[in-house]
């Protein structure tokens, strides 16, 4: 009987602990107020890197080293886009089969999704941009590589015109459309870049992310930028983080 009581007590503790962990992992975060970036590290034990990490993103991009960097090759193919308004950004999830390759390093990362921030998260020599696009990739070992594209206000972008046409209006809504990056081309014409070792720019702020921020910008109209801001309802950029001992290479 004592064993049964002990077992039931143990199971009860396990359930309580599991529930607490589940709650901890899904802790609400935001870009402002009590749940804003300055407090992310205290919202959940899973978010501790947001306050304790030494290689956090984004950063101000001013190169420390001028190097002969390897060429980036984008093998992006058309697929159905699953567009989600997750309350923090507008995110496009991609079907498998598109890749970022670095041939000289024999590296390949599969494109998983792309999403937007406004204003830009990275700055270049202190200059901020109207928006920033992040292409998120992972290799077979799970290592992440993110390509950043800076967007400045200017002419209407034909690709955003397509994406914004079926942008989900409310948080949690999803829209699926059979269009692909191959026929839209969100990348600028040249692919020179800054690179550094960083992190995710949202909780849990995991480090070990390889960043490639393209030097050539693309444009979006003031109306397109305003539509994005209206749908997400707030600024969606994490403040610039310290470089610490890291080097930024171009």
C-alpha atoms as a PDB file:
ATOM      1  CA  UNK A   1       0.000   0.000   0.000  1.00  0.00           C
ATOM      2  CA  UNK A   2       2.831   2.381   0.866  1.00  0.00           C
ATOM      3  CA  UNK A   3       4.423   1.662  -2.503  1.00  0.00           C
ATOM      4  CA  UNK A   4       1.164   2.520  -4.267  1.00  0.00           C
ATOM      5  CA  UNK A   5       0.860   5.782  -2.315  1.00  0.00           C
ATOM      6  CA  UNK A   6       4.468   6.692  -3.120  1.00  0.00           C
ATOM      7  CA  UNK A   7       3.917   5.839  -6.791  1.00  0.00           C
ATOM      8  CA  UNK A   8       0.792   7.989  -6.976  1.00  0.00           C
ATOM      9  CA  UNK A   9       2.631  10.853  -5.267  1.00  0.00           C
ATOM     10  CA  UNK A  10       5.484  10.532  -7.729  1.00  0.00           C
ATOM     11  CA  UNK A  11       3.093  10.529 -10.679  1.00  0.00           C
ATOM     12  CA  UNK A  12       1.306  13.597  -9.280  1.00  0.00           C
ATOM     13  CA  UNK A  13       4.615  15.400  -8.947  1.00  0.00           C
ATOM     14  CA  UNK A  14       5.539  14.403 -12.496  1.00  0.00           C
ATOM     15  CA  UNK A  15       2.274  15.779 -13.857  1.00  0.00           C
ATOM     16  CA  UNK A  16       2.685  19.056 -11.969  1.00  0.00           C
ATOM     17  CA  UNK A  17       6.319  19.382 -13.062  1.00  0.00           C
ATOM     18  CA  UNK A  18       5.482  18.585 -16.696  1.00  0.00           C
ATOM     19  CA  UNK A  19       2.696  21.167 -16.673  1.00  0.00           C
ATOM     20  CA  UNK A  20       5.031  23.764 -15.198  1.00  0.00           C
ATOM     21  CA  UNK A  21       7.657  23.032 -17.843  1.00  0.00           C
ATOM     22  CA  UNK A  22       5.063  23.221 -20.616  1.00  0.00           C
ATOM     23  CA  UNK A  23       3.894  26.585 -19.278  1.00  0.00           C
ATOM     24  CA  UNK A  24       7.491  27.744 -18.973  1.00  0.00           C
ATOM     25  CA  UNK A  25       8.358  26.854 -22.555  1.00  0.00           C
ATOM     26  CA  UNK A  26       5.302  28.634 -23.984  1.00  0.00           C
ATOM     27  CA  UNK A  27       5.805  31.816 -21.965  1.00  0.00           C
ATOM     28  CA  UNK A  28       4.276  34.827 -23.671  1.00  0.00           C
ATOM     29  CA  UNK A  29       6.706  37.386 -25.063  1.00  0.00           C
ATOM     30  CA  UNK A  30       6.313  40.617 -26.951  1.00  0.00           C
ATOM     31  CA  UNK A  31       8.303  43.513 -28.378  1.00  0.00           C
ATOM     32  CA  UNK A  32       7.100  46.010 -25.798  1.00  0.00           C
ATOM     33  CA  UNK A  33       6.007  46.389 -22.187  1.00  0.00           C
ATOM     34  CA  UNK A  34       6.579  43.895 -19.383  1.00  0.00           C
ATOM     35  CA  UNK A  35       7.093  41.061 -21.879  1.00  0.00           C
ATOM     36  CA  UNK A  36       9.448  43.079 -24.084  1.00  0.00           C
ATOM     37  CA  UNK A  37      13.071  42.350 -25.091  1.00  0.00           C
ATOM     38  CA  UNK A  38      14.641  43.710 -21.909  1.00  0.00           C
ATOM     39  CA  UNK A  39      12.672  41.102 -19.934  1.00  0.00           C
ATOM     40  CA  UNK A  40      12.768  38.090 -22.271  1.00  0.00           C
ATOM     41  CA  UNK A  41      15.430  36.327 -20.236  1.00  0.00           C
ATOM     42  CA  UNK A  42      13.221  36.345 -17.119  1.00  0.00           C
ATOM     43  CA  UNK A  43      10.005  35.096 -18.744  1.00  0.00           C
ATOM     44  CA  UNK A  44      11.056  31.448 -18.955  1.00  0.00           C
ATOM     45  CA  UNK A  45      13.998  29.264 -18.018  1.00  0.00           C
ATOM     46  CA  UNK A  46      14.057  28.315 -21.698  1.00  0.00           C
ATOM     47  CA  UNK A  47      14.740  31.959 -22.603  1.00  0.00           C
ATOM     48  CA  UNK A  48      17.796  32.467 -20.382  1.00  0.00           C
ATOM     49  CA  UNK A  49      20.118  33.012 -23.365  1.00  0.00           C
ATOM     50  CA  UNK A  50      18.211  36.206 -24.168  1.00  0.00           C
ATOM     51  CA  UNK A  51      19.879  37.802 -21.133  1.00  0.00           C
ATOM     52  CA  UNK A  52      22.911  35.552 -20.541  1.00  0.00           C
ATOM     53  CA  UNK A  53      24.139  34.897 -24.097  1.00  0.00           C
ATOM     54  CA  UNK A  54      27.335  36.540 -25.338  1.00  0.00           C
ATOM     55  CA  UNK A  55      26.728  35.999 -29.068  1.00  0.00           C
ATOM     56  CA  UNK A  56      23.306  37.552 -29.497  1.00  0.00           C
ATOM     57  CA  UNK A  57      21.654  39.050 -32.575  1.00  0.00           C
ATOM     58  CA  UNK A  58      21.017  41.504 -34.129  1.00  0.00           C
ATOM     59  CA  UNK A  59      24.146  43.664 -34.266  1.00  0.00           C
ATOM     60  CA  UNK A  60      25.329  46.862 -35.909  1.00  0.00           C
ATOM     61  CA  UNK A  61      27.196  45.766 -39.029  1.00  0.00           C
ATOM     62  CA  UNK A  62      30.589  47.402 -39.335  1.00  0.00           C
ATOM     63  CA  UNK A  63      33.191  45.008 -40.701  1.00  0.00           C
ATOM     64  CA  UNK A  64      36.249  44.144 -38.605  1.00  0.00           C
ATOM     65  CA  UNK A  65      37.836  42.022 -41.331  1.00  0.00           C
ATOM     66  CA  UNK A  66      37.789  42.344 -45.133  1.00  0.00           C
ATOM     67  CA  UNK A  67      38.052  38.778 -46.400  1.00  0.00           C
ATOM     68  CA  UNK A  68      37.612  36.748 -49.558  1.00  0.00           C
ATOM     69  CA  UNK A  69      34.303  35.241 -48.529  1.00  0.00           C
ATOM     70  CA  UNK A  70      32.855  32.179 -50.260  1.00  0.00           C
ATOM     71  CA  UNK A  71      30.025  32.661 -52.721  1.00  0.00           C
ATOM     72  CA  UNK A  72      26.475  31.969 -51.623  1.00  0.00           C
ATOM     73  CA  UNK A  73      24.342  29.950 -54.029  1.00  0.00           C
ATOM     74  CA  UNK A  74      20.558  30.071 -53.714  1.00  0.00           C
ATOM     75  CA  UNK A  75      18.689  27.091 -55.086  1.00  0.00           C
ATOM     76  CA  UNK A  76      15.139  28.165 -54.333  1.00  0.00           C
ATOM     77  CA  UNK A  77      12.313  26.399 -56.144  1.00  0.00           C
ATOM     78  CA  UNK A  78       8.600  27.035 -56.458  1.00  0.00           C
ATOM     79  CA  UNK A  79       6.374  25.436 -53.858  1.00  0.00           C
ATOM     80  CA  UNK A  80       3.189  26.065 -51.942  1.00  0.00           C
ATOM     81  CA  UNK A  81       3.612  28.850 -49.390  1.00  0.00           C
ATOM     82  CA  UNK A  82       1.892  28.512 -46.039  1.00  0.00           C
ATOM     83  CA  UNK A  83       1.583  32.108 -44.809  1.00  0.00           C
ATOM     84  CA  UNK A  84       0.982  32.566 -41.081  1.00  0.00           C
ATOM     85  CA  UNK A  85       0.244  35.584 -38.910  1.00  0.00           C
ATOM     86  CA  UNK A  86       1.765  34.375 -35.629  1.00  0.00           C
ATOM     87  CA  UNK A  87       1.267  37.624 -33.766  1.00  0.00           C
ATOM     88  CA  UNK A  88       4.960  38.533 -33.979  1.00  0.00           C
ATOM     89  CA  UNK A  89       5.481  38.537 -37.746  1.00  0.00           C
ATOM     90  CA  UNK A  90       4.122  37.328 -41.064  1.00  0.00           C
ATOM     91  CA  UNK A  91       5.883  34.029 -41.746  1.00  0.00           C
ATOM     92  CA  UNK A  92       5.968  31.929 -44.906  1.00  0.00           C
ATOM     93  CA  UNK A  93       6.636  28.223 -44.362  1.00  0.00           C
ATOM     94  CA  UNK A  94       8.179  26.479 -47.347  1.00  0.00           C
ATOM     95  CA  UNK A  95       7.876  22.949 -48.703  1.00  0.00           C
ATOM     96  CA  UNK A  96      11.150  20.917 -48.681  1.00  0.00           C
ATOM     97  CA  UNK A  97      13.547  21.143 -51.604  1.00  0.00           C
ATOM     98  CA  UNK A  98      15.042  24.675 -51.604  1.00  0.00           C
ATOM     99  CA  UNK A  99      18.625  25.189 -50.433  1.00  0.00           C
ATOM    100  CA  UNK A 100      21.361  27.658 -49.586  1.00  0.00           C
ATOM    101  CA  UNK A 101      24.712  26.243 -50.712  1.00  0.00           C
ATOM    102  CA  UNK A 102      28.273  27.323 -49.944  1.00  0.00           C
ATOM    103  CA  UNK A 103      30.149  25.165 -52.481  1.00  0.00           C
ATOM    104  CA  UNK A 104      33.698  26.085 -51.433  1.00  0.00           C
ATOM    105  CA  UNK A 105      32.885  24.990 -47.873  1.00  0.00           C
ATOM    106  CA  UNK A 106      30.872  21.937 -48.962  1.00  0.00           C
ATOM    107  CA  UNK A 107      27.896  23.139 -46.927  1.00  0.00           C
ATOM    108  CA  UNK A 108      24.196  22.925 -47.666  1.00  0.00           C
ATOM    109  CA  UNK A 109      21.285  24.326 -45.656  1.00  0.00           C
ATOM    110  CA  UNK A 110      17.630  23.694 -46.483  1.00  0.00           C
ATOM    111  CA  UNK A 111      15.232  26.638 -46.507  1.00  0.00           C
ATOM    112  CA  UNK A 112      12.545  26.182 -43.845  1.00  0.00           C
ATOM    113  CA  UNK A 113      10.740  29.516 -43.768  1.00  0.00           C
ATOM    114  CA  UNK A 114      11.082  33.239 -44.287  1.00  0.00           C
ATOM    115  CA  UNK A 115       9.593  36.119 -42.326  1.00  0.00           C
ATOM    116  CA  UNK A 116       9.758  39.883 -41.883  1.00  0.00           C
ATOM    117  CA  UNK A 117      10.608  42.499 -39.255  1.00  0.00           C
ATOM    118  CA  UNK A 118       9.922  46.230 -39.202  1.00  0.00           C
ATOM    119  CA  UNK A 119      11.973  48.279 -38.678  1.00  0.00           C
ATOM    120  CA  UNK A 120      15.103  46.306 -39.569  1.00  0.00           C
ATOM    121  CA  UNK A 121      16.805  44.360 -36.808  1.00  0.00           C
ATOM    122  CA  UNK A 122      20.357  44.771 -38.098  1.00  0.00           C
ATOM    123  CA  UNK A 123      21.766  48.210 -38.759  1.00  0.00           C
ATOM    124  CA  UNK A 124      24.658  49.083 -41.083  1.00  0.00           C
ATOM    125  CA  UNK A 125      27.095  51.605 -39.605  1.00  0.00           C
ATOM    126  CA  UNK A 126      24.239  52.815 -37.406  1.00  0.00           C
ATOM    127  CA  UNK A 127      21.688  53.085 -40.211  1.00  0.00           C
ATOM    128  CA  UNK A 128      18.317  51.389 -39.728  1.00  0.00           C
ATOM    129  CA  UNK A 129      16.063  50.270 -42.584  1.00  0.00           C
ATOM    130  CA  UNK A 130      12.298  50.153 -43.002  1.00  0.00           C
ATOM    131  CA  UNK A 131      12.106  46.344 -42.919  1.00  0.00           C
ATOM    132  CA  UNK A 132      14.241  43.210 -42.859  1.00  0.00           C
ATOM    133  CA  UNK A 133      13.564  39.818 -44.407  1.00  0.00           C
ATOM    134  CA  UNK A 134      15.015  36.654 -42.852  1.00  0.00           C
ATOM    135  CA  UNK A 135      15.443  33.396 -44.783  1.00  0.00           C
ATOM    136  CA  UNK A 136      15.862  30.653 -42.165  1.00  0.00           C
ATOM    137  CA  UNK A 137      17.764  27.481 -43.144  1.00  0.00           C
ATOM    138  CA  UNK A 138      18.908  24.347 -41.328  1.00  0.00           C
ATOM    139  CA  UNK A 139      21.395  21.603 -42.227  1.00  0.00           C
ATOM    140  CA  UNK A 140      20.999  17.890 -41.531  1.00  0.00           C
ATOM    141  CA  UNK A 141      22.537  18.313 -38.075  1.00  0.00           C
ATOM    142  CA  UNK A 142      20.074  21.055 -37.179  1.00  0.00           C
ATOM    143  CA  UNK A 143      22.544  23.962 -37.360  1.00  0.00           C
ATOM    144  CA  UNK A 144      20.888  27.188 -38.487  1.00  0.00           C
ATOM    145  CA  UNK A 145      21.928  29.685 -41.145  1.00  0.00           C
ATOM    146  CA  UNK A 146      19.910  32.869 -41.650  1.00  0.00           C
ATOM    147  CA  UNK A 147      20.177  35.168 -44.662  1.00  0.00           C
ATOM    148  CA  UNK A 148      19.077  38.728 -43.950  1.00  0.00           C
ATOM    149  CA  UNK A 149      17.823  41.086 -46.673  1.00  0.00           C
ATOM    150  CA  UNK A 150      17.487  44.753 -45.754  1.00  0.00           C
ATOM    151  CA  UNK A 151      14.481  46.587 -47.199  1.00  0.00           C
ATOM    152  CA  UNK A 152      14.351  50.349 -47.659  1.00  0.00           C
ATOM    153  CA  UNK A 153      11.376  52.506 -48.541  1.00  0.00           C
ATOM    154  CA  UNK A 154      11.091  53.153 -52.254  1.00  0.00           C
ATOM    155  CA  UNK A 155       9.308  51.527 -55.176  1.00  0.00           C
ATOM    156  CA  UNK A 156       6.560  48.943 -54.752  1.00  0.00           C
ATOM    157  CA  UNK A 157       7.977  45.409 -54.548  1.00  0.00           C
ATOM    158  CA  UNK A 158       6.147  43.047 -56.935  1.00  0.00           C
ATOM    159  CA  UNK A 159       6.709  40.013 -54.714  1.00  0.00           C
ATOM    160  CA  UNK A 160       5.351  41.686 -51.591  1.00  0.00           C
ATOM    161  CA  UNK A 161       2.339  42.746 -53.644  1.00  0.00           C
ATOM    162  CA  UNK A 162       1.616  39.039 -54.209  1.00  0.00           C
ATOM    163  CA  UNK A 163       2.342  37.952 -50.632  1.00  0.00           C
ATOM    164  CA  UNK A 164       0.444  40.816 -49.041  1.00  0.00           C
ATOM    165  CA  UNK A 165      -2.620  40.005 -51.189  1.00  0.00           C
ATOM    166  CA  UNK A 166      -3.317  36.919 -49.057  1.00  0.00           C
ATOM    167  CA  UNK A 167      -1.687  38.045 -45.810  1.00  0.00           C
ATOM    168  CA  UNK A 168      -3.661  36.672 -42.834  1.00  0.00           C
ATOM    169  CA  UNK A 169      -5.357  39.513 -41.007  1.00  0.00           C
ATOM    170  CA  UNK A 170      -5.593  38.107 -37.480  1.00  0.00           C
ATOM    171  CA  UNK A 171      -3.138  36.354 -35.152  1.00  0.00           C
ATOM    172  CA  UNK A 172      -3.245  32.588 -35.614  1.00  0.00           C
ATOM    173  CA  UNK A 173      -4.722  32.711 -39.099  1.00  0.00           C
ATOM    174  CA  UNK A 174      -3.074  30.857 -41.999  1.00  0.00           C
ATOM    175  CA  UNK A 175      -3.363  31.234 -45.764  1.00  0.00           C
ATOM    176  CA  UNK A 176      -2.002  28.688 -48.262  1.00  0.00           C
ATOM    177  CA  UNK A 177      -1.116  29.707 -51.821  1.00  0.00           C
ATOM    178  CA  UNK A 178       0.651  27.764 -54.628  1.00  0.00           C
ATOM    179  CA  UNK A 179       3.318  30.382 -55.376  1.00  0.00           C
ATOM    180  CA  UNK A 180       7.047  30.013 -54.943  1.00  0.00           C
ATOM    181  CA  UNK A 181      10.186  32.023 -54.457  1.00  0.00           C
ATOM    182  CA  UNK A 182      11.592  30.931 -57.800  1.00  0.00           C
ATOM    183  CA  UNK A 183       9.028  32.987 -59.681  1.00  0.00           C
ATOM    184  CA  UNK A 184       9.012  35.859 -57.229  1.00  0.00           C
ATOM    185  CA  UNK A 185      12.677  36.444 -56.403  1.00  0.00           C
ATOM    186  CA  UNK A 186      12.843  38.273 -53.089  1.00  0.00           C
ATOM    187  CA  UNK A 187      16.640  38.362 -53.225  1.00  0.00           C
ATOM    188  CA  UNK A 188      18.620  41.366 -54.494  1.00  0.00           C
ATOM    189  CA  UNK A 189      20.617  40.962 -57.738  1.00  0.00           C
ATOM    190  CA  UNK A 190      24.008  40.742 -55.997  1.00  0.00           C
ATOM    191  CA  UNK A 191      24.863  38.616 -52.980  1.00  0.00           C
ATOM    192  CA  UNK A 192      27.879  40.172 -51.249  1.00  0.00           C
ATOM    193  CA  UNK A 193      27.386  39.966 -47.513  1.00  0.00           C
ATOM    194  CA  UNK A 194      28.403  40.553 -43.918  1.00  0.00           C
ATOM    195  CA  UNK A 195      28.749  37.419 -41.810  1.00  0.00           C
ATOM    196  CA  UNK A 196      29.104  36.722 -38.099  1.00  0.00           C
ATOM    197  CA  UNK A 197      28.204  34.189 -35.398  1.00  0.00           C
ATOM    198  CA  UNK A 198      24.946  35.075 -33.681  1.00  0.00           C
ATOM    199  CA  UNK A 199      21.606  33.884 -32.372  1.00  0.00           C
ATOM    200  CA  UNK A 200      17.906  33.802 -33.028  1.00  0.00           C
ATOM    201  CA  UNK A 201      16.503  37.319 -32.615  1.00  0.00           C
ATOM    202  CA  UNK A 202      13.405  36.059 -30.776  1.00  0.00           C
ATOM    203  CA  UNK A 203      13.012  33.811 -27.720  1.00  0.00           C
ATOM    204  CA  UNK A 204      14.590  31.417 -26.914  1.00  0.00           C
ATOM    205  CA  UNK A 205      17.490  33.453 -28.452  1.00  0.00           C
ATOM    206  CA  UNK A 206      19.455  30.239 -29.145  1.00  0.00           C
ATOM    207  CA  UNK A 207      23.053  30.819 -30.213  1.00  0.00           C
ATOM    208  CA  UNK A 208      25.145  29.020 -32.819  1.00  0.00           C
ATOM    209  CA  UNK A 209      23.310  30.706 -35.717  1.00  0.00           C
ATOM    210  CA  UNK A 210      25.409  31.594 -38.776  1.00  0.00           C
ATOM    211  CA  UNK A 211      24.314  34.981 -40.121  1.00  0.00           C
ATOM    212  CA  UNK A 212      24.692  36.252 -43.691  1.00  0.00           C
ATOM    213  CA  UNK A 213      23.292  39.772 -44.154  1.00  0.00           C
ATOM    214  CA  UNK A 214      23.307  40.844 -47.796  1.00  0.00           C
ATOM    215  CA  UNK A 215      24.836  44.227 -48.582  1.00  0.00           C
ATOM    216  CA  UNK A 216      22.519  45.031 -51.495  1.00  0.00           C
ATOM    217  CA  UNK A 217      19.093  46.229 -50.405  1.00  0.00           C
ATOM    218  CA  UNK A 218      15.668  45.807 -51.961  1.00  0.00           C
ATOM    219  CA  UNK A 219      12.786  48.274 -51.888  1.00  0.00           C
ATOM    220  CA  UNK A 220       9.182  48.262 -50.705  1.00  0.00           C
ATOM    221  CA  UNK A 221       6.645  51.044 -50.990  1.00  0.00           C
ATOM    222  CA  UNK A 222       5.492  53.093 -48.017  1.00  0.00           C
ATOM    223  CA  UNK A 223       2.052  51.493 -48.418  1.00  0.00           C
ATOM    224  CA  UNK A 224       3.481  47.954 -48.323  1.00  0.00           C
ATOM    225  CA  UNK A 225       5.470  48.756 -45.195  1.00  0.00           C
ATOM    226  CA  UNK A 226       2.382  50.299 -43.563  1.00  0.00           C
ATOM    227  CA  UNK A 227       0.262  47.222 -44.337  1.00  0.00           C
ATOM    228  CA  UNK A 228       2.768  44.947 -42.610  1.00  0.00           C
ATOM    229  CA  UNK A 229       2.933  47.190 -39.553  1.00  0.00           C
ATOM    230  CA  UNK A 230      -0.865  47.327 -39.346  1.00  0.00           C
ATOM    231  CA  UNK A 231      -1.172  43.529 -39.418  1.00  0.00           C
ATOM    232  CA  UNK A 232       1.431  42.863 -36.685  1.00  0.00           C
ATOM    233  CA  UNK A 233       0.446  45.937 -34.683  1.00  0.00           C
ATOM    234  CA  UNK A 234       3.824  46.904 -33.269  1.00  0.00           C
ATOM    235  CA  UNK A 235       7.508  47.357 -33.984  1.00  0.00           C
ATOM    236  CA  UNK A 236       9.006  43.889 -34.477  1.00  0.00           C
ATOM    237  CA  UNK A 237      12.718  44.467 -34.074  1.00  0.00           C
ATOM    238  CA  UNK A 238      14.905  43.364 -31.185  1.00  0.00           C
ATOM    239  CA  UNK A 239      17.349  46.104 -30.086  1.00  0.00           C
ATOM    240  CA  UNK A 240      20.980  45.932 -31.219  1.00  0.00           C
ATOM    241  CA  UNK A 241      23.093  43.579 -29.097  1.00  0.00           C
ATOM    242  CA  UNK A 242      26.756  43.971 -28.026  1.00  0.00           C
ATOM    243  CA  UNK A 243      29.415  42.473 -30.294  1.00  0.00           C
ATOM    244  CA  UNK A 244      31.488  41.337 -27.313  1.00  0.00           C
ATOM    245  CA  UNK A 245      34.463  39.343 -28.677  1.00  0.00           C
ATOM    246  CA  UNK A 246      32.902  38.605 -32.049  1.00  0.00           C
ATOM    247  CA  UNK A 247      34.271  39.697 -35.414  1.00  0.00           C
ATOM    248  CA  UNK A 248      32.096  40.855 -38.299  1.00  0.00           C
ATOM    249  CA  UNK A 249      33.498  39.824 -41.660  1.00  0.00           C
ATOM    250  CA  UNK A 250      32.768  41.178 -45.122  1.00  0.00           C
END
